[in-house]
Amino acid sequence: TIAVPTTPVTLTRSGGTQTMQVTNFTLDGASTRLIVLGNVVTFHVGGTLNVNANQAPGYYSGTFNVVTNYP
């Protein structure tokens, strides 16, 4: 199984204090997938970037966890 964040993630502007949030994370396809031993599994994660009024331009970064459970 693959789990994406369910709570907002804050991004902070490099060299500044301005922030934006990413919400509504999505996973392409089913959260439960069959993985054949020795194969590589690729998946994509998306979300909604909430840009504030008069948002300062720049490079924003943050981190979030994607949890996989492989029995």
PDB file of N, CA and C in Angstrom:
ATOM      1  N   THR A   1       0.840  -1.185   0.000  1.00  0.00           N
ATOM      2  CA  THR A   1       0.000   0.000   0.000  1.00  0.00           C
ATOM      3  C   THR A   1       0.883   1.245   0.000  1.00  0.00           C
ATOM      4  N   ILE A   2       0.343   2.307  -0.544  1.00  0.00           N
ATOM      5  CA  ILE A   2       1.043   3.588  -0.629  1.00  0.00           C
ATOM      6  C   ILE A   2       0.142   4.641  -0.001  1.00  0.00           C
ATOM      7  N   ALA A   3       0.696   5.452   0.909  1.00  0.00           N
ATOM      8  CA  ALA A   3      -0.088   6.502   1.562  1.00  0.00           C
ATOM      9  C   ALA A   3       0.595   7.851   1.377  1.00  0.00           C
ATOM     10  N   VAL A   4      -0.178   8.834   0.912  1.00  0.00           N
ATOM     11  CA  VAL A   4       0.315  10.206   0.747  1.00  0.00           C
ATOM     12  C   VAL A   4      -0.201  11.043   1.909  1.00  0.00           C
ATOM     13  N   PRO A   5       0.372  12.234   2.118  1.00  0.00           N
ATOM     14  CA  PRO A   5      -0.054  13.062   3.255  1.00  0.00           C
ATOM     15  C   PRO A   5      -1.546  13.394   3.212  1.00  0.00           C
ATOM     16  N   THR A   6      -2.130  13.501   4.397  1.00  0.00           N
ATOM     17  CA  THR A   6      -3.531  13.894   4.514  1.00  0.00           C
ATOM     18  C   THR A   6      -3.668  15.275   5.144  1.00  0.00           C
ATOM     19  N   THR A   7      -2.553  15.846   5.574  1.00  0.00           N
ATOM     20  CA  THR A   7      -2.553  17.184   6.155  1.00  0.00           C
ATOM     21  C   THR A   7      -1.708  18.106   5.281  1.00  0.00           C
ATOM     22  N   PRO A   8      -1.951  19.424   5.349  1.00  0.00           N
ATOM     23  CA  PRO A   8      -1.190  20.369   4.522  1.00  0.00           C
ATOM     24  C   PRO A   8       0.307  20.333   4.825  1.00  0.00           C
ATOM     25  N   VAL A   9       1.097  20.629   3.799  1.00  0.00           N
ATOM     26  CA  VAL A   9       2.549  20.741   3.931  1.00  0.00           C
ATOM     27  C   VAL A   9       2.926  22.176   3.604  1.00  0.00           C
ATOM     28  N   THR A  10       3.743  22.775   4.442  1.00  0.00           N
ATOM     29  CA  THR A  10       4.154  24.164   4.249  1.00  0.00           C
ATOM     30  C   THR A  10       5.457  24.231   3.469  1.00  0.00           C
ATOM     31  N   LEU A  11       5.480  25.081   2.451  1.00  0.00           N
ATOM     32  CA  LEU A  11       6.687  25.370   1.678  1.00  0.00           C
ATOM     33  C   LEU A  11       7.169  26.750   2.096  1.00  0.00           C
ATOM     34  N   THR A  12       8.485  26.912   2.257  1.00  0.00           N
ATOM     35  CA  THR A  12       9.068  28.187   2.676  1.00  0.00           C
ATOM     36  C   THR A  12       9.991  28.710   1.590  1.00  0.00           C
ATOM     37  N   ARG A  13       9.919  30.023   1.341  1.00  0.00           N
ATOM     38  CA  ARG A  13      10.734  30.651   0.296  1.00  0.00           C
ATOM     39  C   ARG A  13      12.195  30.703   0.717  1.00  0.00           C
ATOM     40  N   SER A  14      13.059  30.279  -0.188  1.00  0.00           N
ATOM     41  CA  SER A  14      14.500  30.309   0.058  1.00  0.00           C
ATOM     42  C   SER A  14      14.940  31.755   0.254  1.00  0.00           C
ATOM     43  N   GLY A  15      15.622  32.023   1.353  1.00  0.00           N
ATOM     44  CA  GLY A  15      16.102  33.368   1.637  1.00  0.00           C
ATOM     45  C   GLY A  15      15.043  34.287   2.210  1.00  0.00           C
ATOM     46  N   GLY A  16      13.892  33.745   2.569  1.00  0.00           N
ATOM     47  CA  GLY A  16      12.819  34.574   3.105  1.00  0.00           C
ATOM     48  C   GLY A  16      11.998  33.816   4.116  1.00  0.00           C
ATOM     49  N   THR A  17      10.902  34.448   4.530  1.00  0.00           N
ATOM     50  CA  THR A  17      10.015  33.826   5.510  1.00  0.00           C
ATOM     51  C   THR A  17       8.639  33.543   4.929  1.00  0.00           C
ATOM     52  N   GLN A  18       8.412  33.883   3.665  1.00  0.00           N
ATOM     53  CA  GLN A  18       7.118  33.675   3.031  1.00  0.00           C
ATOM     54  C   GLN A  18       6.851  32.181   2.868  1.00  0.00           C
ATOM     55  N   THR A  19       5.577  31.821   2.986  1.00  0.00           N
ATOM     56  CA  THR A  19       5.201  30.416   2.884  1.00  0.00           C
ATOM     57  C   THR A  19       4.002  30.228   1.960  1.00  0.00           C
ATOM     58  N   MET A  20       3.850  29.019   1.493  1.00  0.00           N
ATOM     59  CA  MET A  20       2.672  28.550   0.769  1.00  0.00           C
ATOM     60  C   MET A  20       2.375  27.153   1.292  1.00  0.00           C
ATOM     61  N   GLN A  21       1.174  26.684   1.043  1.00  0.00           N
ATOM     62  CA  GLN A  21       0.831  25.333   1.463  1.00  0.00           C
ATOM     63  C   GLN A  21       0.431  24.474   0.272  1.00  0.00           C
ATOM     64  N   VAL A  22       0.758  23.188   0.388  1.00  0.00           N
ATOM     65  CA  VAL A  22       0.289  22.180  -0.557  1.00  0.00           C
ATOM     66  C   VAL A  22      -0.751  21.350   0.181  1.00  0.00           C
ATOM     67  N   THR A  23      -1.916  21.193  -0.436  1.00  0.00           N
ATOM     68  CA  THR A  23      -3.014  20.443   0.173  1.00  0.00           C
ATOM     69  C   THR A  23      -3.563  19.440  -0.841  1.00  0.00           C
ATOM     70  N   ASN A  24      -4.506  18.656  -0.419  1.00  0.00           N
ATOM     71  CA  ASN A  24      -5.220  17.716  -1.302  1.00  0.00           C
ATOM     72  C   ASN A  24      -4.280  16.824  -2.110  1.00  0.00           C
ATOM     73  N   PHE A  25      -3.376  16.162  -1.420  1.00  0.00           N
ATOM     74  CA  PHE A  25      -2.451  15.263  -2.094  1.00  0.00           C
ATOM     75  C   PHE A  25      -3.196  14.134  -2.791  1.00  0.00           C
ATOM     76  N   THR A  26      -2.689  13.735  -3.949  1.00  0.00           N
ATOM     77  CA  THR A  26      -3.290  12.648  -4.714  1.00  0.00           C
ATOM     78  C   THR A  26      -2.217  11.663  -5.143  1.00  0.00           C
ATOM     79  N   LEU A  27      -2.647  10.474  -5.427  1.00  0.00           N
ATOM     80  CA  LEU A  27      -1.768   9.413  -5.911  1.00  0.00           C
ATOM     81  C   LEU A  27      -2.337   8.931  -7.229  1.00  0.00           C
ATOM     82  N   ASP A  28      -1.483   8.767  -8.233  1.00  0.00           N
ATOM     83  CA  ASP A  28      -1.979   8.269  -9.524  1.00  0.00           C
ATOM     84  C   ASP A  28      -2.296   6.786  -9.415  1.00  0.00           C
ATOM     85  N   GLY A  29      -3.544   6.463  -9.487  1.00  0.00           N
ATOM     86  CA  GLY A  29      -3.937   5.062  -9.430  1.00  0.00           C
ATOM     87  C   GLY A  29      -4.270   4.602  -8.023  1.00  0.00           C
ATOM     88  N   ALA A  30      -4.380   3.301  -7.905  1.00  0.00           N
ATOM     89  CA  ALA A  30      -4.791   2.684  -6.647  1.00  0.00           C
ATOM     90  C   ALA A  30      -3.698   2.779  -5.587  1.00  0.00           C
ATOM     91  N   SER A  31      -4.114   2.849  -4.326  1.00  0.00           N
ATOM     92  CA  SER A  31      -3.133   2.895  -3.240  1.00  0.00           C
ATOM     93  C   SER A  31      -2.596   1.502  -2.903  1.00  0.00           C
ATOM     94  N   THR A  32      -3.303   0.463  -3.338  1.00  0.00           N
ATOM     95  CA  THR A  32      -2.828  -0.906  -3.155  1.00  0.00           C
ATOM     96  C   THR A  32      -2.418  -1.447  -4.517  1.00  0.00           C
ATOM     97  N   ARG A  33      -1.160  -1.905  -4.600  1.00  0.00           N
ATOM     98  CA  ARG A  33      -0.630  -2.372  -5.888  1.00  0.00           C
ATOM     99  C   ARG A  33       0.122  -3.683  -5.713  1.00  0.00           C
ATOM    100  N   LEU A  34       0.112  -4.465  -6.759  1.00  0.00           N
ATOM    101  CA  LEU A  34       0.857  -5.716  -6.760  1.00  0.00           C
ATOM    102  C   LEU A  34       2.279  -5.429  -7.228  1.00  0.00           C
ATOM    103  N   ILE A  35       3.221  -5.846  -6.406  1.00  0.00           N
ATOM    104  CA  ILE A  35       4.629  -5.647  -6.750  1.00  0.00           C
ATOM    105  C   ILE A  35       5.262  -7.015  -6.928  1.00  0.00           C
ATOM    106  N   VAL A  36       5.784  -7.252  -8.107  1.00  0.00           N
ATOM    107  CA  VAL A  36       6.453  -8.514  -8.402  1.00  0.00           C
ATOM    108  C   VAL A  36       7.903  -8.399  -7.937  1.00  0.00           C
ATOM    109  N   LEU A  37       8.364  -9.416  -7.227  1.00  0.00           N
ATOM    110  CA  LEU A  37       9.724  -9.423  -6.690  1.00  0.00           C
ATOM    111  C   LEU A  37      10.742  -9.067  -7.769  1.00  0.00           C
ATOM    112  N   GLY A  38      11.599  -8.119  -7.477  1.00  0.00           N
ATOM    113  CA  GLY A  38      12.647  -7.719  -8.404  1.00  0.00           C
ATOM    114  C   GLY A  38      12.254  -6.608  -9.354  1.00  0.00           C
ATOM    115  N   ASN A  39      10.981  -6.228  -9.393  1.00  0.00           N
ATOM    116  CA  ASN A  39      10.525  -5.155 -10.282  1.00  0.00           C
ATOM    117  C   ASN A  39      10.571  -3.800  -9.580  1.00  0.00           C
ATOM    118  N   VAL A  40      10.591  -2.761 -10.367  1.00  0.00           N
ATOM    119  CA  VAL A  40      10.546  -1.393  -9.873  1.00  0.00           C
ATOM    120  C   VAL A  40       9.113  -0.884 -10.005  1.00  0.00           C
ATOM    121  N   VAL A  41       8.628  -0.200  -8.993  1.00  0.00           N
ATOM    122  CA  VAL A  41       7.291   0.389  -9.036  1.00  0.00           C
ATOM    123  C   VAL A  41       7.449   1.909  -9.082  1.00  0.00           C
ATOM    124  N   THR A  42       6.832   2.519 -10.069  1.00  0.00           N
ATOM    125  CA  THR A  42       6.865   3.970 -10.205  1.00  0.00           C
ATOM    126  C   THR A  42       5.462   4.508  -9.971  1.00  0.00           C
ATOM    127  N   PHE A  43       5.366   5.582  -9.195  1.00  0.00           N
ATOM    128  CA  PHE A  43       4.079   6.240  -8.983  1.00  0.00           C
ATOM    129  C   PHE A  43       4.307   7.742  -8.875  1.00  0.00           C
ATOM    130  N   HIS A  44       3.246   8.497  -9.107  1.00  0.00           N
ATOM    131  CA  HIS A  44       3.330   9.950  -9.073  1.00  0.00           C
ATOM    132  C   HIS A  44       2.410  10.503  -8.004  1.00  0.00           C
ATOM    133  N   VAL A  45       2.887  11.550  -7.332  1.00  0.00           N
ATOM    134  CA  VAL A  45       2.121  12.211  -6.283  1.00  0.00           C
ATOM    135  C   VAL A  45       1.835  13.632  -6.753  1.00  0.00           C
ATOM    136  N   GLY A  46       0.595  14.074  -6.572  1.00  0.00           N
ATOM    137  CA  GLY A  46       0.214  15.440  -6.924  1.00  0.00           C
ATOM    138  C   GLY A  46      -0.411  16.127  -5.728  1.00  0.00           C
ATOM    139  N   GLY A  47      -0.726  17.389  -5.892  1.00  0.00           N
ATOM    140  CA  GLY A  47      -1.372  18.139  -4.831  1.00  0.00           C
ATOM    141  C   GLY A  47      -1.791  19.503  -5.348  1.00  0.00           C
ATOM    142  N   THR A  48      -2.443  20.264  -4.506  1.00  0.00           N
ATOM    143  CA  THR A  48      -2.883  21.619  -4.843  1.00  0.00           C
ATOM    144  C   THR A  48      -1.944  22.611  -4.187  1.00  0.00           C
ATOM    145  N   LEU A  49      -1.323  23.474  -5.000  1.00  0.00           N
ATOM    146  CA  LEU A  49      -0.459  24.533  -4.481  1.00  0.00           C
ATOM    147  C   LEU A  49      -1.317  25.761  -4.235  1.00  0.00           C
ATOM    148  N   ASN A  50      -1.392  26.190  -2.979  1.00  0.00           N
ATOM    149  CA  ASN A  50      -2.198  27.330  -2.583  1.00  0.00           C
ATOM    150  C   ASN A  50      -1.328  28.586  -2.572  1.00  0.00           C
ATOM    151  N   VAL A  51      -1.459  29.391  -3.620  1.00  0.00           N
ATOM    152  CA  VAL A  51      -0.661  30.607  -3.775  1.00  0.00           C
ATOM    153  C   VAL A  51      -1.450  31.768  -3.167  1.00  0.00           C
ATOM    154  N   ASN A  52      -0.813  32.459  -2.230  1.00  0.00           N
ATOM    155  CA  ASN A  52      -1.455  33.583  -1.553  1.00  0.00           C
ATOM    156  C   ASN A  52      -1.475  34.826  -2.437  1.00  0.00           C
ATOM    157  N   ALA A  53      -2.370  35.752  -2.137  1.00  0.00           N
ATOM    158  CA  ALA A  53      -2.392  37.036  -2.839  1.00  0.00           C
ATOM    159  C   ALA A  53      -1.052  37.735  -2.613  1.00  0.00           C
ATOM    160  N   ASN A  54      -0.503  38.332  -3.653  1.00  0.00           N
ATOM    161  CA  ASN A  54       0.784  39.044  -3.579  1.00  0.00           C
ATOM    162  C   ASN A  54       1.925  38.143  -3.108  1.00  0.00           C
ATOM    163  N   GLN A  55       1.868  36.882  -3.492  1.00  0.00           N
ATOM    164  CA  GLN A  55       2.903  35.923  -3.093  1.00  0.00           C
ATOM    165  C   GLN A  55       4.248  36.347  -3.662  1.00  0.00           C
ATOM    166  N   ALA A  56       5.265  36.384  -2.827  1.00  0.00           N
ATOM    167  CA  ALA A  56       6.607  36.754  -3.276  1.00  0.00           C
ATOM    168  C   ALA A  56       7.144  35.678  -4.212  1.00  0.00           C
ATOM    169  N   PRO A  57       7.701  36.082  -5.356  1.00  0.00           N
ATOM    170  CA  PRO A  57       8.290  35.088  -6.256  1.00  0.00           C
ATOM    171  C   PRO A  57       9.553  34.505  -5.631  1.00  0.00           C
ATOM    172  N   GLY A  58       9.910  33.330  -6.074  1.00  0.00           N
ATOM    173  CA  GLY A  58      11.139  32.722  -5.578  1.00  0.00           C
ATOM    174  C   GLY A  58      11.042  31.219  -5.571  1.00  0.00           C
ATOM    175  N   TYR A  59      12.050  30.619  -4.969  1.00  0.00           N
ATOM    176  CA  TYR A  59      12.153  29.169  -4.864  1.00  0.00           C
ATOM    177  C   TYR A  59      11.591  28.751  -3.510  1.00  0.00           C
ATOM    178  N   TYR A  60      10.535  27.963  -3.523  1.00  0.00           N
ATOM    179  CA  TYR A  60       9.898  27.476  -2.305  1.00  0.00           C
ATOM    180  C   TYR A  60      10.174  25.988  -2.173  1.00  0.00           C
ATOM    181  N   SER A  61      10.467  25.554  -0.968  1.00  0.00           N
ATOM    182  CA  SER A  61      10.735  24.132  -0.775  1.00  0.00           C
ATOM    183  C   SER A  61      10.143  23.645   0.542  1.00  0.00           C
ATOM    184  N   GLY A  62       9.960  22.350   0.607  1.00  0.00           N
ATOM    185  CA  GLY A  62       9.447  21.690   1.799  1.00  0.00           C
ATOM    186  C   GLY A  62       9.559  20.197   1.597  1.00  0.00           C
ATOM    187  N   THR A  63       9.194  19.456   2.591  1.00  0.00           N
ATOM    188  CA  THR A  63       9.270  17.993   2.495  1.00  0.00           C
ATOM    189  C   THR A  63       7.960  17.364   2.958  1.00  0.00           C
ATOM    190  N   PHE A  64       7.715  16.168   2.467  1.00  0.00           N
ATOM    191  CA  PHE A  64       6.575  15.395   2.929  1.00  0.00           C
ATOM    192  C   PHE A  64       6.939  13.918   2.803  1.00  0.00           C
ATOM    193  N   ASN A  65       6.234  13.108   3.544  1.00  0.00           N
ATOM    194  CA  ASN A  65       6.493  11.673   3.537  1.00  0.00           C
ATOM    195  C   ASN A  65       5.457  10.927   2.716  1.00  0.00           C
ATOM    196  N   VAL A  66       5.931   9.958   1.969  1.00  0.00           N
ATOM    197  CA  VAL A  66       5.079   8.981   1.306  1.00  0.00           C
ATOM    198  C   VAL A  66       5.425   7.653   1.971  1.00  0.00           C
ATOM    199  N   VAL A  67       4.415   7.001   2.519  1.00  0.00           N
ATOM    200  CA  VAL A  67       4.644   5.779   3.278  1.00  0.00           C
ATOM    201  C   VAL A  67       4.225   4.575   2.434  1.00  0.00           C
ATOM    202  N   THR A  68       5.102   3.604   2.346  1.00  0.00           N
ATOM    203  CA  THR A  68       4.773   2.356   1.656  1.00  0.00           C
ATOM    204  C   THR A  68       4.826   1.215   2.649  1.00  0.00           C
ATOM    205  N   ASN A  69       3.924   0.289   2.514  1.00  0.00           N
ATOM    206  CA  ASN A  69       3.873  -0.886   3.358  1.00  0.00           C
ATOM    207  C   ASN A  69       3.999  -2.101   2.467  1.00  0.00           C
ATOM    208  N   TYR A  70       5.117  -2.760   2.576  1.00  0.00           N
ATOM    209  CA  TYR A  70       5.382  -3.938   1.744  1.00  0.00           C
ATOM    210  C   TYR A  70       5.550  -5.134   2.665  1.00  0.00           C
ATOM    211  N   PRO A  71       4.596  -6.052   2.654  1.00  0.00           N
ATOM    212  CA  PRO A  71       4.683  -7.185   3.593  1.00  0.00           C
ATOM    213  C   PRO A  71       5.833  -8.120   3.281  1.00  0.00           C
TER     214      PRO A  71
END
